[in-house]
Amino acid sequence: MGTPDFAVESLKALVENQYNIVGVVTAPDRPAGRGQKLKQSPVKEYALSVNIPVLQPEKLKNPEFLEELKALKADLQIIVAFRMLPEAVWNMPPMGSFNLHGSLLPRYRGAAPINWAVINGDKETGVTTFFLKHEIDTGNIIFQEKMPITDDDTAGTVHDKMMVLGAGLVVKTVKAIEEGRAEALPQDNDDNLLKHAPKIFKDDCRIDWQQDAESIRNHIRGLSPYPTAWTEFKMKTGKDISCKLFFAERNKSKQLAPGQFDSDNKTYLSIGTGNGVLNITQLQLAGKKRMTIEELLRGFDCEQIESIL
């Protein structure tokens, strides 16, 4: 059970290890792009390419879907980047249902564990497999595997590395369950370990230039490439231009006030924070494509910026 690319890697690993996948459950096809043509999920595309039956319920409690799922007679259900399941679904197979989660639980329970780990400046994260129960992301842990977060990692690069690491852990978990040696242990609910990873909304992505440089840089990295940190350029024409920021570097040789900027209109754009200065290296103006700062400055005059909000 899964929908995005993150889930494809695990499904592919199971197929390549000759496990009998009796079916895939994924999101319904959705309109996408300018033409609003129906688009299949990445999991559906891969499943069809290897002739695996696909179920796409709108509602997981639908009696018709539950009958279709039951008819597959699965021994085990594996959930990777899907949605919350009702007990009628996760309690169906005799060997249970387990989830692959993108954090070292109990840290970062919730919808956006990768983003929040980078935003918070963590140096380490990992993946966890656990059996499902009623409360989200609280089930007994089967296995965990750690991985570092480097200073230059973004949510995107962590996602891609974790996707591969997670696929290996899924195969390891299935093998352990198959051989009857999966000793699932309760999560440690120590308040010092608990961190939450709630869904991120647009207002959460806006940059507060009063914060210190390292916090803002982590904020940018943790939201890159999606949902993306953003700010606004207040132009001398009176118009505000929204700008997404994908990456920034520390500049320890300059001193600027929060939101104050400096540029040579050729190679750099520096912005002051509450403590330190950042050089913006990758960005995207509203209505334009993503580009490097050098590409932007070939056609954009920073002298027309009045302030950065």
C-alpha atoms as a PDB file:
ATOM      1  CA  MET A   1       0.000   0.000   0.000  1.00  0.00           C
ATOM      2  CA  GLY A   2       1.606   3.213  -1.182  1.00  0.00           C
ATOM      3  CA  THR A   3       1.421   6.059  -3.648  1.00  0.00           C
ATOM      4  CA  PRO A   4       4.575   8.152  -4.374  1.00  0.00           C
ATOM      5  CA  ASP A   5       8.057   7.328  -5.690  1.00  0.00           C
ATOM      6  CA  PHE A   6       9.231   6.705  -2.122  1.00  0.00           C
ATOM      7  CA  ALA A   7       6.961   3.633  -2.020  1.00  0.00           C
ATOM      8  CA  VAL A   8       7.974   2.345  -5.464  1.00  0.00           C
ATOM      9  CA  GLU A   9      11.500   1.496  -4.302  1.00  0.00           C
ATOM     10  CA  SER A  10      10.166  -0.831  -1.590  1.00  0.00           C
ATOM     11  CA  LEU A  11       7.685  -2.503  -3.943  1.00  0.00           C
ATOM     12  CA  LYS A  12      10.422  -2.962  -6.538  1.00  0.00           C
ATOM     13  CA  ALA A  13      12.762  -4.503  -3.935  1.00  0.00           C
ATOM     14  CA  LEU A  14      10.077  -7.019  -2.913  1.00  0.00           C
ATOM     15  CA  VAL A  15       9.410  -7.962  -6.541  1.00  0.00           C
ATOM     16  CA  GLU A  16      13.127  -8.355  -7.266  1.00  0.00           C
ATOM     17  CA  ASN A  17      13.470 -10.585  -4.190  1.00  0.00           C
ATOM     18  CA  GLN A  18      10.751 -12.841  -5.614  1.00  0.00           C
ATOM     19  CA  TYR A  19       8.062 -12.163  -3.033  1.00  0.00           C
ATOM     20  CA  ASN A  20       4.539 -12.928  -4.230  1.00  0.00           C
ATOM     21  CA  ILE A  21       2.795  -9.543  -4.339  1.00  0.00           C
ATOM     22  CA  VAL A  22      -0.890 -10.417  -4.708  1.00  0.00           C
ATOM     23  CA  GLY A  23      -2.015  -6.808  -5.055  1.00  0.00           C
ATOM     24  CA  VAL A  24      -1.219  -3.126  -4.674  1.00  0.00           C
ATOM     25  CA  VAL A  25      -3.454  -0.503  -3.063  1.00  0.00           C
ATOM     26  CA  THR A  26      -2.782   3.070  -4.167  1.00  0.00           C
ATOM     27  CA  ALA A  27      -4.471   6.453  -4.618  1.00  0.00           C
ATOM     28  CA  PRO A  28      -7.059   6.920  -7.377  1.00  0.00           C
ATOM     29  CA  ASP A  29      -5.894   8.559 -10.605  1.00  0.00           C
ATOM     30  CA  ARG A  30      -5.992  12.353 -10.268  1.00  0.00           C
ATOM     31  CA  PRO A  31      -6.102  15.231 -12.802  1.00  0.00           C
ATOM     32  CA  ALA A  32      -2.659  16.823 -13.159  1.00  0.00           C
ATOM     33  CA  GLY A  33      -0.799  19.354 -15.288  1.00  0.00           C
ATOM     34  CA  ARG A  34      -2.126  22.079 -17.524  1.00  0.00           C
ATOM     35  CA  GLY A  35      -4.355  19.717 -19.463  1.00  0.00           C
ATOM     36  CA  GLN A  36      -5.734  18.206 -16.235  1.00  0.00           C
ATOM     37  CA  LYS A  37      -5.360  14.729 -17.691  1.00  0.00           C
ATOM     38  CA  LEU A  38      -5.783  11.819 -15.301  1.00  0.00           C
ATOM     39  CA  LYS A  39      -2.426  10.782 -13.893  1.00  0.00           C
ATOM     40  CA  GLN A  40      -1.579   7.433 -12.335  1.00  0.00           C
ATOM     41  CA  SER A  41       0.395   7.262  -9.094  1.00  0.00           C
ATOM     42  CA  PRO A  42       4.049   6.152  -9.423  1.00  0.00           C
ATOM     43  CA  VAL A  43       3.148   2.964  -7.499  1.00  0.00           C
ATOM     44  CA  LYS A  44       0.359   2.137  -9.949  1.00  0.00           C
ATOM     45  CA  GLU A  45       2.633   2.744 -12.937  1.00  0.00           C
ATOM     46  CA  TYR A  46       5.233   0.350 -11.576  1.00  0.00           C
ATOM     47  CA  ALA A  47       2.670  -2.271 -10.467  1.00  0.00           C
ATOM     48  CA  LEU A  48       1.094  -2.385 -13.926  1.00  0.00           C
ATOM     49  CA  SER A  49       4.545  -2.700 -15.540  1.00  0.00           C
ATOM     50  CA  VAL A  50       5.107  -5.955 -13.617  1.00  0.00           C
ATOM     51  CA  ASN A  51       1.490  -7.197 -13.913  1.00  0.00           C
ATOM     52  CA  ILE A  52       0.428  -6.765 -10.293  1.00  0.00           C
ATOM     53  CA  PRO A  53      -3.333  -6.205  -9.685  1.00  0.00           C
ATOM     54  CA  VAL A  54      -4.133  -2.656  -8.502  1.00  0.00           C
ATOM     55  CA  LEU A  55      -6.907  -1.454  -6.182  1.00  0.00           C
ATOM     56  CA  GLN A  56      -7.673   2.292  -5.981  1.00  0.00           C
ATOM     57  CA  PRO A  57     -10.351   2.933  -3.361  1.00  0.00           C
ATOM     58  CA  GLU A  58     -11.650   6.424  -2.676  1.00  0.00           C
ATOM     59  CA  LYS A  59     -12.766   5.300   0.783  1.00  0.00           C
ATOM     60  CA  LEU A  60     -10.936   2.602   2.710  1.00  0.00           C
ATOM     61  CA  LYS A  61     -14.068   1.617   4.657  1.00  0.00           C
ATOM     62  CA  ASN A  62     -16.058   0.957   1.482  1.00  0.00           C
ATOM     63  CA  PRO A  63     -17.546  -2.583   1.816  1.00  0.00           C
ATOM     64  CA  GLU A  64     -16.837  -3.331  -1.858  1.00  0.00           C
ATOM     65  CA  PHE A  65     -13.142  -2.459  -1.414  1.00  0.00           C
ATOM     66  CA  LEU A  66     -12.912  -4.503   1.790  1.00  0.00           C
ATOM     67  CA  GLU A  67     -14.307  -7.532  -0.060  1.00  0.00           C
ATOM     68  CA  GLU A  68     -11.819  -7.054  -2.921  1.00  0.00           C
ATOM     69  CA  LEU A  69      -8.967  -6.771  -0.429  1.00  0.00           C
ATOM     70  CA  LYS A  70     -10.104  -9.852   1.478  1.00  0.00           C
ATOM     71  CA  ALA A  71     -10.335 -11.835  -1.765  1.00  0.00           C
ATOM     72  CA  LEU A  72      -6.594 -11.285  -2.357  1.00  0.00           C
ATOM     73  CA  LYS A  73      -5.894 -13.443   0.736  1.00  0.00           C
ATOM     74  CA  ALA A  74      -2.694 -11.585   1.583  1.00  0.00           C
ATOM     75  CA  ASP A  75      -0.604 -13.021   4.441  1.00  0.00           C
ATOM     76  CA  LEU A  76       0.919  -9.630   5.195  1.00  0.00           C
ATOM     77  CA  GLN A  77       0.273  -5.976   4.336  1.00  0.00           C
ATOM     78  CA  ILE A  78       3.116  -3.482   3.877  1.00  0.00           C
ATOM     79  CA  ILE A  79       2.402   0.249   4.053  1.00  0.00           C
ATOM     80  CA  VAL A  80       4.854   2.801   2.644  1.00  0.00           C
ATOM     81  CA  ALA A  81       3.843   6.461   2.245  1.00  0.00           C
ATOM     82  CA  PHE A  82       0.093   5.839   2.164  1.00  0.00           C
ATOM     83  CA  ARG A  83      -2.735   7.146   4.331  1.00  0.00           C
ATOM     84  CA  MET A  84      -4.241   6.240   7.689  1.00  0.00           C
ATOM     85  CA  LEU A  85      -5.868   2.818   7.590  1.00  0.00           C
ATOM     86  CA  PRO A  86      -9.019   1.757   9.432  1.00  0.00           C
ATOM     87  CA  GLU A  87      -8.686  -1.281  11.697  1.00  0.00           C
ATOM     88  CA  ALA A  88     -10.806  -3.316   9.273  1.00  0.00           C
ATOM     89  CA  VAL A  89      -7.913  -2.984   6.809  1.00  0.00           C
ATOM     90  CA  TRP A  90      -4.771  -3.235   8.951  1.00  0.00           C
ATOM     91  CA  ASN A  91      -6.133  -6.058  11.080  1.00  0.00           C
ATOM     92  CA  MET A  92      -7.120  -8.203   8.083  1.00  0.00           C
ATOM     93  CA  PRO A  93      -4.036 -10.325   7.214  1.00  0.00           C
ATOM     94  CA  PRO A  94      -2.973 -13.185   9.541  1.00  0.00           C
ATOM     95  CA  MET A  95       0.630 -11.914   9.798  1.00  0.00           C
ATOM     96  CA  GLY A  96      -0.481  -8.316  10.413  1.00  0.00           C
ATOM     97  CA  SER A  97       0.365  -5.028   8.703  1.00  0.00           C
ATOM     98  CA  PHE A  98       3.605  -3.089   9.062  1.00  0.00           C
ATOM     99  CA  ASN A  99       4.597   0.413   8.065  1.00  0.00           C
ATOM    100  CA  LEU A 100       7.890   1.899   6.889  1.00  0.00           C
ATOM    101  CA  HIS A 101       8.336   5.322   8.516  1.00  0.00           C
ATOM    102  CA  GLY A 102      10.974   7.910   7.613  1.00  0.00           C
ATOM    103  CA  SER A 103      12.382   8.550  11.088  1.00  0.00           C
ATOM    104  CA  LEU A 104      13.814   6.815  14.120  1.00  0.00           C
ATOM    105  CA  LEU A 105      10.548   6.437  16.030  1.00  0.00           C
ATOM    106  CA  PRO A 106       9.359   7.692  18.463  1.00  0.00           C
ATOM    107  CA  ARG A 107      11.047  10.789  16.987  1.00  0.00           C
ATOM    108  CA  TYR A 108       9.013  12.545  14.327  1.00  0.00           C
ATOM    109  CA  ARG A 109       5.677  10.807  14.424  1.00  0.00           C
ATOM    110  CA  GLY A 110       3.492  12.414  11.790  1.00  0.00           C
ATOM    111  CA  ALA A 111       3.206  13.389   8.141  1.00  0.00           C
ATOM    112  CA  ALA A 112       6.524  15.147   7.457  1.00  0.00           C
ATOM    113  CA  PRO A 113       9.358  13.393   9.345  1.00  0.00           C
ATOM    114  CA  ILE A 114      12.073  14.069   6.744  1.00  0.00           C
ATOM    115  CA  ASN A 115      11.307  17.795   6.518  1.00  0.00           C
ATOM    116  CA  TRP A 116      11.268  18.356  10.279  1.00  0.00           C
ATOM    117  CA  ALA A 117      14.501  16.452  10.921  1.00  0.00           C
ATOM    118  CA  VAL A 118      16.355  18.755   8.493  1.00  0.00           C
ATOM    119  CA  ILE A 119      14.525  21.909   9.653  1.00  0.00           C
ATOM    120  CA  ASN A 120      15.545  21.141  13.241  1.00  0.00           C
ATOM    121  CA  GLY A 121      19.190  20.748  12.241  1.00  0.00           C
ATOM    122  CA  ASP A 122      19.423  17.058  13.206  1.00  0.00           C
ATOM    123  CA  LYS A 123      22.649  15.286  12.247  1.00  0.00           C
ATOM    124  CA  GLU A 124      21.055  11.847  12.101  1.00  0.00           C
ATOM    125  CA  THR A 125      17.800  10.254  11.028  1.00  0.00           C
ATOM    126  CA  GLY A 126      16.764   6.820   9.791  1.00  0.00           C
ATOM    127  CA  VAL A 127      13.939   4.446   8.962  1.00  0.00           C
ATOM    128  CA  THR A 128      11.694   2.317  11.145  1.00  0.00           C
ATOM    129  CA  THR A 129       9.426  -0.625  10.439  1.00  0.00           C
ATOM    130  CA  PHE A 130       6.616  -1.188  12.947  1.00  0.00           C
ATOM    131  CA  PHE A 131       3.341  -3.063  13.265  1.00  0.00           C
ATOM    132  CA  LEU A 132       0.248  -0.893  12.957  1.00  0.00           C
ATOM    133  CA  LYS A 133      -2.131  -0.230  15.806  1.00  0.00           C
ATOM    134  CA  HIS A 134      -4.829   2.381  16.534  1.00  0.00           C
ATOM    135  CA  GLU A 135      -2.722   5.440  17.361  1.00  0.00           C
ATOM    136  CA  ILE A 136      -0.714   6.714  14.388  1.00  0.00           C
ATOM    137  CA  ASP A 137       3.029   5.861  14.319  1.00  0.00           C
ATOM    138  CA  THR A 138       2.965   4.303  17.798  1.00  0.00           C
ATOM    139  CA  GLY A 139       3.092   0.570  17.022  1.00  0.00           C
ATOM    140  CA  ASN A 140       5.720  -1.923  18.170  1.00  0.00           C
ATOM    141  CA  ILE A 141       9.072  -1.482  16.396  1.00  0.00           C
ATOM    142  CA  ILE A 142      10.449  -4.342  14.317  1.00  0.00           C
ATOM    143  CA  PHE A 143      13.682  -2.851  12.929  1.00  0.00           C
ATOM    144  CA  GLN A 144      15.438   0.512  12.656  1.00  0.00           C
ATOM    145  CA  GLU A 145      18.362   1.687  10.555  1.00  0.00           C
ATOM    146  CA  LYS A 146      20.244   4.972  11.009  1.00  0.00           C
ATOM    147  CA  MET A 147      21.656   7.370   8.424  1.00  0.00           C
ATOM    148  CA  PRO A 148      23.529  10.701   8.718  1.00  0.00           C
ATOM    149  CA  ILE A 149      22.209  14.109   7.642  1.00  0.00           C
ATOM    150  CA  THR A 150      25.056  16.213   6.244  1.00  0.00           C
ATOM    151  CA  ASP A 151      25.251  20.008   6.402  1.00  0.00           C
ATOM    152  CA  ASP A 152      24.468  20.203   2.692  1.00  0.00           C
ATOM    153  CA  ASP A 153      21.598  17.702   2.650  1.00  0.00           C
ATOM    154  CA  THR A 154      18.130  18.929   1.768  1.00  0.00           C
ATOM    155  CA  ALA A 155      14.817  17.199   2.420  1.00  0.00           C
ATOM    156  CA  GLY A 156      15.084  16.023  -1.190  1.00  0.00           C
ATOM    157  CA  THR A 157      18.499  14.388  -0.881  1.00  0.00           C
ATOM    158  CA  VAL A 158      17.577  12.796   2.465  1.00  0.00           C
ATOM    159  CA  HIS A 159      14.365  11.491   0.860  1.00  0.00           C
ATOM    160  CA  ASP A 160      16.267   9.860  -2.002  1.00  0.00           C
ATOM    161  CA  LYS A 161      18.841   8.184   0.254  1.00  0.00           C
ATOM    162  CA  MET A 162      16.163   7.120   2.728  1.00  0.00           C
ATOM    163  CA  MET A 163      14.028   5.652  -0.061  1.00  0.00           C
ATOM    164  CA  VAL A 164      16.801   3.149  -0.868  1.00  0.00           C
ATOM    165  CA  LEU A 165      17.646   2.474   2.791  1.00  0.00           C
ATOM    166  CA  GLY A 166      13.958   1.939   3.545  1.00  0.00           C
ATOM    167  CA  ALA A 167      13.486  -0.529   0.698  1.00  0.00           C
ATOM    168  CA  GLY A 168      16.264  -2.686   2.117  1.00  0.00           C
ATOM    169  CA  LEU A 169      14.683  -2.532   5.570  1.00  0.00           C
ATOM    170  CA  VAL A 170      11.288  -3.565   4.164  1.00  0.00           C
ATOM    171  CA  VAL A 171      12.809  -6.692   2.602  1.00  0.00           C
ATOM    172  CA  LYS A 172      14.689  -7.451   5.845  1.00  0.00           C
ATOM    173  CA  THR A 173      11.444  -7.043   7.812  1.00  0.00           C
ATOM    174  CA  VAL A 174       9.406  -9.297   5.513  1.00  0.00           C
ATOM    175  CA  LYS A 175      12.091 -11.981   5.719  1.00  0.00           C
ATOM    176  CA  ALA A 176      12.107 -11.804   9.537  1.00  0.00           C
ATOM    177  CA  ILE A 177       8.288 -12.041   9.719  1.00  0.00           C
ATOM    178  CA  GLU A 178       8.311 -14.927   7.231  1.00  0.00           C
ATOM    179  CA  GLU A 179      10.862 -16.801   9.353  1.00  0.00           C
ATOM    180  CA  GLY A 180       9.059 -16.052  12.632  1.00  0.00           C
ATOM    181  CA  ARG A 181      11.895 -14.021  14.162  1.00  0.00           C
ATOM    182  CA  ALA A 182      10.395 -10.505  14.116  1.00  0.00           C
ATOM    183  CA  GLU A 183      10.575  -9.465  17.783  1.00  0.00           C
ATOM    184  CA  ALA A 184       8.555  -6.254  17.815  1.00  0.00           C
ATOM    185  CA  LEU A 185       9.267  -4.057  20.843  1.00  0.00           C
ATOM    186  CA  PRO A 186       7.120  -1.226  22.288  1.00  0.00           C
ATOM    187  CA  GLN A 187       8.251   2.324  21.552  1.00  0.00           C
ATOM    188  CA  ASP A 188       9.963   4.357  24.256  1.00  0.00           C
ATOM    189  CA  ASN A 189       7.579   7.170  25.151  1.00  0.00           C
ATOM    190  CA  ASP A 190      10.189   9.223  27.020  1.00  0.00           C
ATOM    191  CA  ASP A 191       9.296  12.910  26.564  1.00  0.00           C
ATOM    192  CA  ASN A 192      12.945  13.661  25.729  1.00  0.00           C
ATOM    193  CA  LEU A 193      12.728  11.396  22.668  1.00  0.00           C
ATOM    194  CA  LEU A 194       9.292  12.409  21.420  1.00  0.00           C
ATOM    195  CA  LYS A 195       9.221  14.898  18.561  1.00  0.00           C
ATOM    196  CA  HIS A 196       6.318  15.481  16.240  1.00  0.00           C
ATOM    197  CA  ALA A 197       6.308  15.982  12.482  1.00  0.00           C
ATOM    198  CA  PRO A 198       2.973  17.604  11.597  1.00  0.00           C
ATOM    199  CA  LYS A 199       1.884  18.400   8.076  1.00  0.00           C
ATOM    200  CA  ILE A 200       3.508  21.592   6.743  1.00  0.00           C
ATOM    201  CA  PHE A 201       1.372  24.451   5.415  1.00  0.00           C
ATOM    202  CA  LYS A 202       2.291  27.479   3.300  1.00  0.00           C
ATOM    203  CA  ASP A 203       2.521  29.852   6.260  1.00  0.00           C
ATOM    204  CA  ASP A 204       5.004  27.478   7.928  1.00  0.00           C
ATOM    205  CA  CYS A 205       7.269  27.888   4.892  1.00  0.00           C
ATOM    206  CA  ARG A 206       7.602  31.679   5.057  1.00  0.00           C
ATOM    207  CA  ILE A 207      11.066  32.820   6.158  1.00  0.00           C
ATOM    208  CA  ASP A 208      11.396  35.018   9.226  1.00  0.00           C
ATOM    209  CA  TRP A 209      14.588  37.005   8.614  1.00  0.00           C
ATOM    210  CA  GLN A 210      14.753  37.886  12.326  1.00  0.00           C
ATOM    211  CA  GLN A 211      15.842  34.330  13.077  1.00  0.00           C
ATOM    212  CA  ASP A 212      19.526  33.399  13.118  1.00  0.00           C
ATOM    213  CA  ALA A 213      21.309  32.402   9.906  1.00  0.00           C
ATOM    214  CA  GLU A 214      21.724  28.713  10.770  1.00  0.00           C
ATOM    215  CA  SER A 215      18.037  28.289  11.641  1.00  0.00           C
ATOM    216  CA  ILE A 216      16.983  29.958   8.389  1.00  0.00           C
ATOM    217  CA  ARG A 217      19.434  27.872   6.374  1.00  0.00           C
ATOM    218  CA  ASN A 218      18.042  24.685   7.971  1.00  0.00           C
ATOM    219  CA  HIS A 219      14.517  25.943   7.290  1.00  0.00           C
ATOM    220  CA  ILE A 220      15.377  26.378   3.599  1.00  0.00           C
ATOM    221  CA  ARG A 221      17.110  22.971   3.371  1.00  0.00           C
ATOM    222  CA  GLY A 222      14.297  21.205   5.192  1.00  0.00           C
ATOM    223  CA  LEU A 223      11.670  22.495   2.768  1.00  0.00           C
ATOM    224  CA  SER A 224      13.700  21.969  -0.422  1.00  0.00           C
ATOM    225  CA  PRO A 225      12.561  21.035  -3.001  1.00  0.00           C
ATOM    226  CA  TYR A 226       9.051  20.732  -1.570  1.00  0.00           C
ATOM    227  CA  PRO A 227       6.984  22.429  -0.192  1.00  0.00           C
ATOM    228  CA  THR A 228       9.742  25.109  -0.414  1.00  0.00           C
ATOM    229  CA  ALA A 229      10.676  28.032   1.829  1.00  0.00           C
ATOM    230  CA  TRP A 230       9.623  31.429   0.490  1.00  0.00           C
ATOM    231  CA  THR A 231       9.979  35.155   0.991  1.00  0.00           C
ATOM    232  CA  GLU A 232       8.880  38.313  -0.822  1.00  0.00           C
ATOM    233  CA  PHE A 233      10.834  40.986  -2.675  1.00  0.00           C
ATOM    234  CA  LYS A 234       9.179  44.362  -2.178  1.00  0.00           C
ATOM    235  CA  MET A 235       9.975  46.209  -5.392  1.00  0.00           C
ATOM    236  CA  LYS A 236      10.428  49.968  -5.877  1.00  0.00           C
ATOM    237  CA  THR A 237       7.533  49.777  -8.361  1.00  0.00           C
ATOM    238  CA  GLY A 238       5.266  48.990  -5.387  1.00  0.00           C
ATOM    239  CA  LYS A 239       4.820  45.378  -6.448  1.00  0.00           C
ATOM    240  CA  ASP A 240       5.684  42.404  -4.221  1.00  0.00           C
ATOM    241  CA  ILE A 241       7.307  39.395  -5.924  1.00  0.00           C
ATOM    242  CA  SER A 242       7.084  36.026  -4.199  1.00  0.00           C
ATOM    243  CA  CYS A 243      10.323  34.047  -4.289  1.00  0.00           C
ATOM    244  CA  LYS A 244      11.001  30.392  -3.400  1.00  0.00           C
ATOM    245  CA  LEU A 245      14.425  29.615  -1.934  1.00  0.00           C
ATOM    246  CA  PHE A 246      15.985  26.174  -2.426  1.00  0.00           C
ATOM    247  CA  PHE A 247      19.487  26.567  -1.002  1.00  0.00           C
ATOM    248  CA  ALA A 248      21.648  29.103   0.836  1.00  0.00           C
ATOM    249  CA  GLU A 249      25.215  29.292   2.146  1.00  0.00           C
ATOM    250  CA  ARG A 250      26.609  31.058   5.204  1.00  0.00           C
ATOM    251  CA  ASN A 251      28.534  34.280   4.482  1.00  0.00           C
ATOM    252  CA  LYS A 252      30.755  35.053   7.477  1.00  0.00           C
ATOM    253  CA  SER A 253      32.512  38.033   5.889  1.00  0.00           C
ATOM    254  CA  LYS A 254      29.476  40.346   5.647  1.00  0.00           C
ATOM    255  CA  GLN A 255      27.280  42.094   8.184  1.00  0.00           C
ATOM    256  CA  LEU A 256      23.711  43.017   7.253  1.00  0.00           C
ATOM    257  CA  ALA A 257      20.577  43.789   9.281  1.00  0.00           C
ATOM    258  CA  PRO A 258      17.676  41.281   9.171  1.00  0.00           C
ATOM    259  CA  GLY A 259      16.099  41.447   5.688  1.00  0.00           C
ATOM    260  CA  GLN A 260      18.765  43.855   4.418  1.00  0.00           C
ATOM    261  CA  PHE A 261      20.363  42.677   1.166  1.00  0.00           C
ATOM    262  CA  ASP A 262      23.471  43.192  -0.918  1.00  0.00           C
ATOM    263  CA  SER A 263      24.272  42.103  -4.482  1.00  0.00           C
ATOM    264  CA  ASP A 264      26.793  42.809  -7.240  1.00  0.00           C
ATOM    265  CA  ASN A 265      24.001  42.046  -9.762  1.00  0.00           C
ATOM    266  CA  LYS A 266      26.223  39.326 -11.260  1.00  0.00           C
ATOM    267  CA  THR A 267      27.228  36.560  -8.898  1.00  0.00           C
ATOM    268  CA  TYR A 268      25.641  36.876  -5.454  1.00  0.00           C
ATOM    269  CA  LEU A 269      22.648  37.963  -3.415  1.00  0.00           C
ATOM    270  CA  SER A 270      23.322  38.252   0.325  1.00  0.00           C
ATOM    271  CA  ILE A 271      20.528  38.667   2.894  1.00  0.00           C
ATOM    272  CA  GLY A 272      20.913  39.589   6.555  1.00  0.00           C
ATOM    273  CA  THR A 273      19.334  37.573   9.357  1.00  0.00           C
ATOM    274  CA  GLY A 274      18.942  38.045  13.096  1.00  0.00           C
ATOM    275  CA  ASN A 275      22.468  36.746  13.520  1.00  0.00           C
ATOM    276  CA  GLY A 276      24.631  36.396  10.394  1.00  0.00           C
ATOM    277  CA  VAL A 277      24.284  36.605   6.618  1.00  0.00           C
ATOM    278  CA  LEU A 278      23.167  34.097   3.987  1.00  0.00           C
ATOM    279  CA  ASN A 279      24.054  33.933   0.299  1.00  0.00           C
ATOM    280  CA  ILE A 280      21.092  32.647  -1.706  1.00  0.00           C
ATOM    281  CA  THR A 281      22.330  30.179  -4.321  1.00  0.00           C
ATOM    282  CA  GLN A 282      19.165  28.595  -5.804  1.00  0.00           C
ATOM    283  CA  LEU A 283      15.769  30.267  -6.106  1.00  0.00           C
ATOM    284  CA  GLN A 284      12.634  30.697  -8.176  1.00  0.00           C
ATOM    285  CA  LEU A 285      10.662  33.886  -8.763  1.00  0.00           C
ATOM    286  CA  ALA A 286       6.885  33.572  -9.123  1.00  0.00           C
ATOM    287  CA  GLY A 287       6.033  32.554 -12.671  1.00  0.00           C
ATOM    288  CA  LYS A 288       9.644  31.643 -13.518  1.00  0.00           C
ATOM    289  CA  LYS A 289      11.658  28.439 -13.471  1.00  0.00           C
ATOM    290  CA  ARG A 290      14.064  27.389 -10.722  1.00  0.00           C
ATOM    291  CA  MET A 291      17.564  28.769 -11.329  1.00  0.00           C
ATOM    292  CA  THR A 292      20.941  29.534  -9.808  1.00  0.00           C
ATOM    293  CA  ILE A 293      21.594  33.045  -8.531  1.00  0.00           C
ATOM    294  CA  GLU A 294      23.935  33.690 -11.478  1.00  0.00           C
ATOM    295  CA  GLU A 295      21.174  32.711 -13.938  1.00  0.00           C
ATOM    296  CA  LEU A 296      18.682  34.987 -12.171  1.00  0.00           C
ATOM    297  CA  LEU A 297      20.996  38.005 -12.111  1.00  0.00           C
ATOM    298  CA  ARG A 298      21.525  37.860 -15.874  1.00  0.00           C
ATOM    299  CA  GLY A 299      17.979  39.144 -16.283  1.00  0.00           C
ATOM    300  CA  PHE A 300      16.965  40.597 -12.920  1.00  0.00           C
ATOM    301  CA  ASP A 301      18.118  43.912 -11.454  1.00  0.00           C
ATOM    302  CA  CYS A 302      18.492  43.689  -7.666  1.00  0.00           C
ATOM    303  CA  GLU A 303      18.673  47.497  -7.501  1.00  0.00           C
ATOM    304  CA  GLN A 304      14.924  47.471  -8.137  1.00  0.00           C
ATOM    305  CA  ILE A 305      14.340  45.662  -4.808  1.00  0.00           C
ATOM    306  CA  GLU A 306      13.303  48.016  -2.037  1.00  0.00           C
ATOM    307  CA  SER A 307      13.332  45.449   0.770  1.00  0.00           C
ATOM    308  CA  ILE A 308      12.986  41.726   1.467  1.00  0.00           C
ATOM    309  CA  LEU A 309       9.968  40.823   3.575  1.00  0.00           C
END
